[in-house]
Amino acid sequence: MQLSDPEQNTARAIFNQRMASEVDLEAVDVFAALEPLGAAGQVQVFMALFWTFGAKVGAMKQRTGIE
């Protein structure tokens, strides 16, 4: 998957915001970051977030041996 710089920067910012938060993010938390992107850009951001989170969880499971 190829992302343009705005989509990649937005996905990174949202991912880092979630990692720094003790609770799940709400729509209001990410609205300002997503608003400048078009519908296609927003979909790309969410696909990148799902992939990144999945990779992080997979790596944690492999490292700790959790099934």
PDB file of N, CA and C in Angstrom:
ATOM      1  N   MET A   1       0.849  -1.165   0.000  1.00  0.00           N
ATOM      2  CA  MET A   1       0.000   0.000   0.000  1.00  0.00           C
ATOM      3  C   MET A   1       0.901   1.236   0.000  1.00  0.00           C
ATOM      4  N   GLN A   2       0.626   2.135  -0.907  1.00  0.00           N
ATOM      5  CA  GLN A   2       1.389   3.372  -0.960  1.00  0.00           C
ATOM      6  C   GLN A   2       0.532   4.518  -0.447  1.00  0.00           C
ATOM      7  N   LEU A   3       1.113   5.299   0.436  1.00  0.00           N
ATOM      8  CA  LEU A   3       0.431   6.467   0.989  1.00  0.00           C
ATOM      9  C   LEU A   3       1.172   7.724   0.572  1.00  0.00           C
ATOM     10  N   SER A   4       0.412   8.778   0.367  1.00  0.00           N
ATOM     11  CA  SER A   4       1.062  10.062   0.137  1.00  0.00           C
ATOM     12  C   SER A   4       1.507  10.617   1.492  1.00  0.00           C
ATOM     13  N   ASP A   5       2.309  11.638   1.475  1.00  0.00           N
ATOM     14  CA  ASP A   5       2.812  12.210   2.732  1.00  0.00           C
ATOM     15  C   ASP A   5       1.703  12.664   3.679  1.00  0.00           C
ATOM     16  N   PRO A   6       0.668  13.372   3.200  1.00  0.00           N
ATOM     17  CA  PRO A   6      -0.389  13.788   4.144  1.00  0.00           C
ATOM     18  C   PRO A   6      -1.082  12.607   4.832  1.00  0.00           C
ATOM     19  N   GLU A   7      -1.378  11.555   4.075  1.00  0.00           N
ATOM     20  CA  GLU A   7      -2.031  10.391   4.671  1.00  0.00           C
ATOM     21  C   GLU A   7      -1.102   9.676   5.643  1.00  0.00           C
ATOM     22  N   GLN A   8       0.166   9.528   5.265  1.00  0.00           N
ATOM     23  CA  GLN A   8       1.121   8.866   6.150  1.00  0.00           C
ATOM     24  C   GLN A   8       1.324   9.664   7.436  1.00  0.00           C
ATOM     25  N   ASN A   9       1.457  10.961   7.324  1.00  0.00           N
ATOM     26  CA  ASN A   9       1.636  11.805   8.511  1.00  0.00           C
ATOM     27  C   ASN A   9       0.405  11.761   9.408  1.00  0.00           C
ATOM     28  N   THR A  10      -0.780  11.749   8.803  1.00  0.00           N
ATOM     29  CA  THR A  10      -2.015  11.683   9.580  1.00  0.00           C
ATOM     30  C   THR A  10      -2.127  10.347  10.305  1.00  0.00           C
ATOM     31  N   ALA A  11      -1.845   9.257   9.604  1.00  0.00           N
ATOM     32  CA  ALA A  11      -1.903   7.934  10.234  1.00  0.00           C
ATOM     33  C   ALA A  11      -0.903   7.835  11.374  1.00  0.00           C
ATOM     34  N   ARG A  12       0.291   8.343  11.169  1.00  0.00           N
ATOM     35  CA  ARG A  12       1.313   8.304  12.217  1.00  0.00           C
ATOM     36  C   ARG A  12       0.870   9.120  13.431  1.00  0.00           C
ATOM     37  N   ALA A  13       0.320  10.297  13.183  1.00  0.00           N
ATOM     38  CA  ALA A  13      -0.118  11.157  14.288  1.00  0.00           C
ATOM     39  C   ALA A  13      -1.240  10.505  15.090  1.00  0.00           C
ATOM     40  N   ILE A  14      -2.210   9.900  14.392  1.00  0.00           N
ATOM     41  CA  ILE A  14      -3.320   9.242  15.089  1.00  0.00           C
ATOM     42  C   ILE A  14      -2.820   8.019  15.859  1.00  0.00           C
ATOM     43  N   PHE A  15      -1.948   7.233  15.250  1.00  0.00           N
ATOM     44  CA  PHE A  15      -1.403   6.054  15.929  1.00  0.00           C
ATOM     45  C   PHE A  15      -0.655   6.466  17.197  1.00  0.00           C
ATOM     46  N   ASN A  16       0.188   7.479  17.092  1.00  0.00           N
ATOM     47  CA  ASN A  16       0.946   7.948  18.253  1.00  0.00           C
ATOM     48  C   ASN A  16       0.027   8.534  19.318  1.00  0.00           C
ATOM     49  N   GLN A  17      -1.030   9.225  18.870  1.00  0.00           N
ATOM     50  CA  GLN A  17      -1.996   9.780  19.820  1.00  0.00           C
ATOM     51  C   GLN A  17      -2.671   8.652  20.599  1.00  0.00           C
ATOM     52  N   ARG A  18      -3.025   7.574  19.918  1.00  0.00           N
ATOM     53  CA  ARG A  18      -3.668   6.443  20.590  1.00  0.00           C
ATOM     54  C   ARG A  18      -2.707   5.738  21.535  1.00  0.00           C
ATOM     55  N   MET A  19      -1.458   5.598  21.117  1.00  0.00           N
ATOM     56  CA  MET A  19      -0.480   4.920  21.966  1.00  0.00           C
ATOM     57  C   MET A  19      -0.216   5.722  23.241  1.00  0.00           C
ATOM     58  N   ALA A  20      -0.322   7.030  23.151  1.00  0.00           N
ATOM     59  CA  ALA A  20      -0.079   7.881  24.318  1.00  0.00           C
ATOM     60  C   ALA A  20      -1.311   8.018  25.210  1.00  0.00           C
ATOM     61  N   SER A  21      -2.456   7.591  24.713  1.00  0.00           N
ATOM     62  CA  SER A  21      -3.704   7.733  25.459  1.00  0.00           C
ATOM     63  C   SER A  21      -3.982   6.473  26.264  1.00  0.00           C
ATOM     64  N   GLU A  22      -4.565   6.648  27.426  1.00  0.00           N
ATOM     65  CA  GLU A  22      -4.927   5.503  28.256  1.00  0.00           C
ATOM     66  C   GLU A  22      -6.281   4.915  27.864  1.00  0.00           C
ATOM     67  N   VAL A  23      -7.032   5.636  27.034  1.00  0.00           N
ATOM     68  CA  VAL A  23      -8.354   5.174  26.600  1.00  0.00           C
ATOM     69  C   VAL A  23      -8.421   5.215  25.077  1.00  0.00           C
ATOM     70  N   ASP A  24      -9.405   4.498  24.525  1.00  0.00           N
ATOM     71  CA  ASP A  24      -9.603   4.525  23.079  1.00  0.00           C
ATOM     72  C   ASP A  24      -9.954   5.937  22.621  1.00  0.00           C
ATOM     73  N   LEU A  25      -9.599   6.237  21.393  1.00  0.00           N
ATOM     74  CA  LEU A  25      -9.919   7.540  20.828  1.00  0.00           C
ATOM     75  C   LEU A  25     -11.363   7.544  20.334  1.00  0.00           C
ATOM     76  N   GLU A  26     -11.976   8.686  20.407  1.00  0.00           N
ATOM     77  CA  GLU A  26     -13.321   8.888  19.886  1.00  0.00           C
ATOM     78  C   GLU A  26     -13.212   9.621  18.554  1.00  0.00           C
ATOM     79  N   ALA A  27     -14.290   9.666  17.806  1.00  0.00           N
ATOM     80  CA  ALA A  27     -14.298  10.357  16.510  1.00  0.00           C
ATOM     81  C   ALA A  27     -13.872  11.814  16.658  1.00  0.00           C
ATOM     82  N   VAL A  28     -14.300  12.445  17.723  1.00  0.00           N
ATOM     83  CA  VAL A  28     -13.950  13.849  17.941  1.00  0.00           C
ATOM     84  C   VAL A  28     -12.439  14.034  18.118  1.00  0.00           C
ATOM     85  N   ASP A  29     -11.761  13.005  18.596  1.00  0.00           N
ATOM     86  CA  ASP A  29     -10.312  13.070  18.814  1.00  0.00           C
ATOM     87  C   ASP A  29      -9.522  13.087  17.512  1.00  0.00           C
ATOM     88  N   VAL A  30     -10.067  12.500  16.459  1.00  0.00           N
ATOM     89  CA  VAL A  30      -9.327  12.394  15.194  1.00  0.00           C
ATOM     90  C   VAL A  30      -9.949  13.223  14.073  1.00  0.00           C
ATOM     91  N   PHE A  31     -11.077  13.841  14.327  1.00  0.00           N
ATOM     92  CA  PHE A  31     -11.789  14.579  13.281  1.00  0.00           C
ATOM     93  C   PHE A  31     -10.931  15.668  12.652  1.00  0.00           C
ATOM     94  N   ALA A  32     -10.258  16.445  13.466  1.00  0.00           N
ATOM     95  CA  ALA A  32      -9.458  17.556  12.938  1.00  0.00           C
ATOM     96  C   ALA A  32      -8.330  17.068  12.036  1.00  0.00           C
ATOM     97  N   ALA A  33      -7.759  15.915  12.368  1.00  0.00           N
ATOM     98  CA  ALA A  33      -6.664  15.374  11.556  1.00  0.00           C
ATOM     99  C   ALA A  33      -7.182  14.816  10.235  1.00  0.00           C
ATOM    100  N   LEU A  34      -8.370  14.230  10.250  1.00  0.00           N
ATOM    101  CA  LEU A  34      -8.917  13.603   9.050  1.00  0.00           C
ATOM    102  C   LEU A  34      -9.656  14.570   8.138  1.00  0.00           C
ATOM    103  N   GLU A  35     -10.170  15.656   8.687  1.00  0.00           N
ATOM    104  CA  GLU A  35     -11.013  16.578   7.926  1.00  0.00           C
ATOM    105  C   GLU A  35     -10.365  17.095   6.634  1.00  0.00           C
ATOM    106  N   PRO A  36      -9.074  17.465   6.637  1.00  0.00           N
ATOM    107  CA  PRO A  36      -8.489  17.994   5.391  1.00  0.00           C
ATOM    108  C   PRO A  36      -8.349  16.953   4.277  1.00  0.00           C
ATOM    109  N   LEU A  37      -8.410  15.683   4.615  1.00  0.00           N
ATOM    110  CA  LEU A  37      -8.254  14.617   3.622  1.00  0.00           C
ATOM    111  C   LEU A  37      -9.587  14.325   2.953  1.00  0.00           C
ATOM    112  N   GLY A  38      -9.550  13.920   1.723  1.00  0.00           N
ATOM    113  CA  GLY A  38     -10.752  13.474   1.039  1.00  0.00           C
ATOM    114  C   GLY A  38     -11.149  12.098   1.528  1.00  0.00           C
ATOM    115  N   ALA A  39     -12.263  11.601   0.997  1.00  0.00           N
ATOM    116  CA  ALA A  39     -12.759  10.282   1.418  1.00  0.00           C
ATOM    117  C   ALA A  39     -11.721   9.193   1.149  1.00  0.00           C
ATOM    118  N   ALA A  40     -11.084   9.238  -0.020  1.00  0.00           N
ATOM    119  CA  ALA A  40     -10.091   8.221  -0.355  1.00  0.00           C
ATOM    120  C   ALA A  40      -8.891   8.300   0.591  1.00  0.00           C
ATOM    121  N   GLY A  41      -8.471   9.500   0.944  1.00  0.00           N
ATOM    122  CA  GLY A  41      -7.360   9.673   1.876  1.00  0.00           C
ATOM    123  C   GLY A  41      -7.703   9.173   3.260  1.00  0.00           C
ATOM    124  N   GLN A  42      -8.937   9.397   3.695  1.00  0.00           N
ATOM    125  CA  GLN A  42      -9.364   8.917   5.001  1.00  0.00           C
ATOM    126  C   GLN A  42      -9.383   7.390   5.049  1.00  0.00           C
ATOM    127  N   VAL A  43      -9.826   6.762   3.963  1.00  0.00           N
ATOM    128  CA  VAL A  43      -9.826   5.301   3.893  1.00  0.00           C
ATOM    129  C   VAL A  43      -8.390   4.787   3.955  1.00  0.00           C
ATOM    130  N   GLN A  44      -7.478   5.441   3.247  1.00  0.00           N
ATOM    131  CA  GLN A  44      -6.073   5.030   3.281  1.00  0.00           C
ATOM    132  C   GLN A  44      -5.508   5.139   4.691  1.00  0.00           C
ATOM    133  N   VAL A  45      -5.859   6.202   5.399  1.00  0.00           N
ATOM    134  CA  VAL A  45      -5.384   6.376   6.774  1.00  0.00           C
ATOM    135  C   VAL A  45      -5.875   5.227   7.646  1.00  0.00           C
ATOM    136  N   PHE A  46      -7.146   4.880   7.552  1.00  0.00           N
ATOM    137  CA  PHE A  46      -7.676   3.796   8.379  1.00  0.00           C
ATOM    138  C   PHE A  46      -7.074   2.453   8.006  1.00  0.00           C
ATOM    139  N   MET A  47      -6.843   2.221   6.722  1.00  0.00           N
ATOM    140  CA  MET A  47      -6.181   0.976   6.321  1.00  0.00           C
ATOM    141  C   MET A  47      -4.775   0.918   6.899  1.00  0.00           C
ATOM    142  N   ALA A  48      -4.062   2.023   6.870  1.00  0.00           N
ATOM    143  CA  ALA A  48      -2.706   2.068   7.436  1.00  0.00           C
ATOM    144  C   ALA A  48      -2.743   1.841   8.943  1.00  0.00           C
ATOM    145  N   LEU A  49      -3.728   2.422   9.616  1.00  0.00           N
ATOM    146  CA  LEU A  49      -3.848   2.239  11.062  1.00  0.00           C
ATOM    147  C   LEU A  49      -4.148   0.781  11.410  1.00  0.00           C
ATOM    148  N   PHE A  50      -5.059   0.154  10.672  1.00  0.00           N
ATOM    149  CA  PHE A  50      -5.379  -1.255  10.930  1.00  0.00           C
ATOM    150  C   PHE A  50      -4.153  -2.121  10.710  1.00  0.00           C
ATOM    151  N   TRP A  51      -3.430  -1.887   9.637  1.00  0.00           N
ATOM    152  CA  TRP A  51      -2.231  -2.673   9.337  1.00  0.00           C
ATOM    153  C   TRP A  51      -1.171  -2.458  10.416  1.00  0.00           C
ATOM    154  N   THR A  52      -0.933  -1.205  10.788  1.00  0.00           N
ATOM    155  CA  THR A  52       0.093  -0.892  11.784  1.00  0.00           C
ATOM    156  C   THR A  52      -0.246  -1.512  13.132  1.00  0.00           C
ATOM    157  N   PHE A  53      -1.515  -1.364  13.557  1.00  0.00           N
ATOM    158  CA  PHE A  53      -1.917  -1.932  14.842  1.00  0.00           C
ATOM    159  C   PHE A  53      -1.810  -3.451  14.810  1.00  0.00           C
ATOM    160  N   GLY A  54      -2.233  -4.055  13.700  1.00  0.00           N
ATOM    161  CA  GLY A  54      -2.137  -5.512  13.568  1.00  0.00           C
ATOM    162  C   GLY A  54      -0.702  -5.997  13.633  1.00  0.00           C
ATOM    163  N   ALA A  55       0.188  -5.262  12.978  1.00  0.00           N
ATOM    164  CA  ALA A  55       1.606  -5.636  13.006  1.00  0.00           C
ATOM    165  C   ALA A  55       2.165  -5.510  14.416  1.00  0.00           C
ATOM    166  N   LYS A  56       1.756  -4.475  15.134  1.00  0.00           N
ATOM    167  CA  LYS A  56       2.239  -4.276  16.504  1.00  0.00           C
ATOM    168  C   LYS A  56       1.727  -5.391  17.415  1.00  0.00           C
ATOM    169  N   VAL A  57       0.458  -5.723  17.317  1.00  0.00           N
ATOM    170  CA  VAL A  57      -0.113  -6.784  18.141  1.00  0.00           C
ATOM    171  C   VAL A  57       0.535  -8.123  17.786  1.00  0.00           C
ATOM    172  N   GLY A  58       0.720  -8.394  16.490  1.00  0.00           N
ATOM    173  CA  GLY A  58       1.363  -9.635  16.070  1.00  0.00           C
ATOM    174  C   GLY A  58       2.775  -9.754  16.613  1.00  0.00           C
ATOM    175  N   ALA A  59       3.513  -8.656  16.579  1.00  0.00           N
ATOM    176  CA  ALA A  59       4.881  -8.670  17.105  1.00  0.00           C
ATOM    177  C   ALA A  59       4.885  -8.897  18.611  1.00  0.00           C
ATOM    178  N   MET A  60       3.937  -8.305  19.312  1.00  0.00           N
ATOM    179  CA  MET A  60       3.860  -8.486  20.761  1.00  0.00           C
ATOM    180  C   MET A  60       3.506  -9.941  21.096  1.00  0.00           C
ATOM    181  N   LYS A  61       2.581 -10.519  20.334  1.00  0.00           N
ATOM    182  CA  LYS A  61       2.210 -11.917  20.569  1.00  0.00           C
ATOM    183  C   LYS A  61       3.404 -12.845  20.331  1.00  0.00           C
ATOM    184  N   GLN A  62       4.131 -12.618  19.246  1.00  0.00           N
ATOM    185  CA  GLN A  62       5.286 -13.452  18.947  1.00  0.00           C
ATOM    186  C   GLN A  62       6.359 -13.296  20.007  1.00  0.00           C
ATOM    187  N   ARG A  63       6.583 -12.084  20.438  1.00  0.00           N
ATOM    188  CA  ARG A  63       7.641 -11.811  21.427  1.00  0.00           C
ATOM    189  C   ARG A  63       7.320 -12.433  22.780  1.00  0.00           C
ATOM    190  N   THR A  64       6.033 -12.369  23.179  1.00  0.00           N
ATOM    191  CA  THR A  64       5.646 -12.846  24.509  1.00  0.00           C
ATOM    192  C   THR A  64       5.156 -14.284  24.498  1.00  0.00           C
ATOM    193  N   GLY A  65       4.866 -14.835  23.321  1.00  0.00           N
ATOM    194  CA  GLY A  65       4.342 -16.189  23.232  1.00  0.00           C
ATOM    195  C   GLY A  65       2.867 -16.314  23.528  1.00  0.00           C
ATOM    196  N   ILE A  66       2.170 -15.179  23.607  1.00  0.00           N
ATOM    197  CA  ILE A  66       0.727 -15.185  23.858  1.00  0.00           C
ATOM    198  C   ILE A  66       0.003 -15.616  22.589  1.00  0.00           C
ATOM    199  N   GLU A  67      -0.989 -16.465  22.724  1.00  0.00           N
ATOM    200  CA  GLU A  67      -1.760 -16.935  21.564  1.00  0.00           C
ATOM    201  C   GLU A  67      -2.993 -16.112  21.390  1.00  0.00           C
TER     202      GLU A  67
END
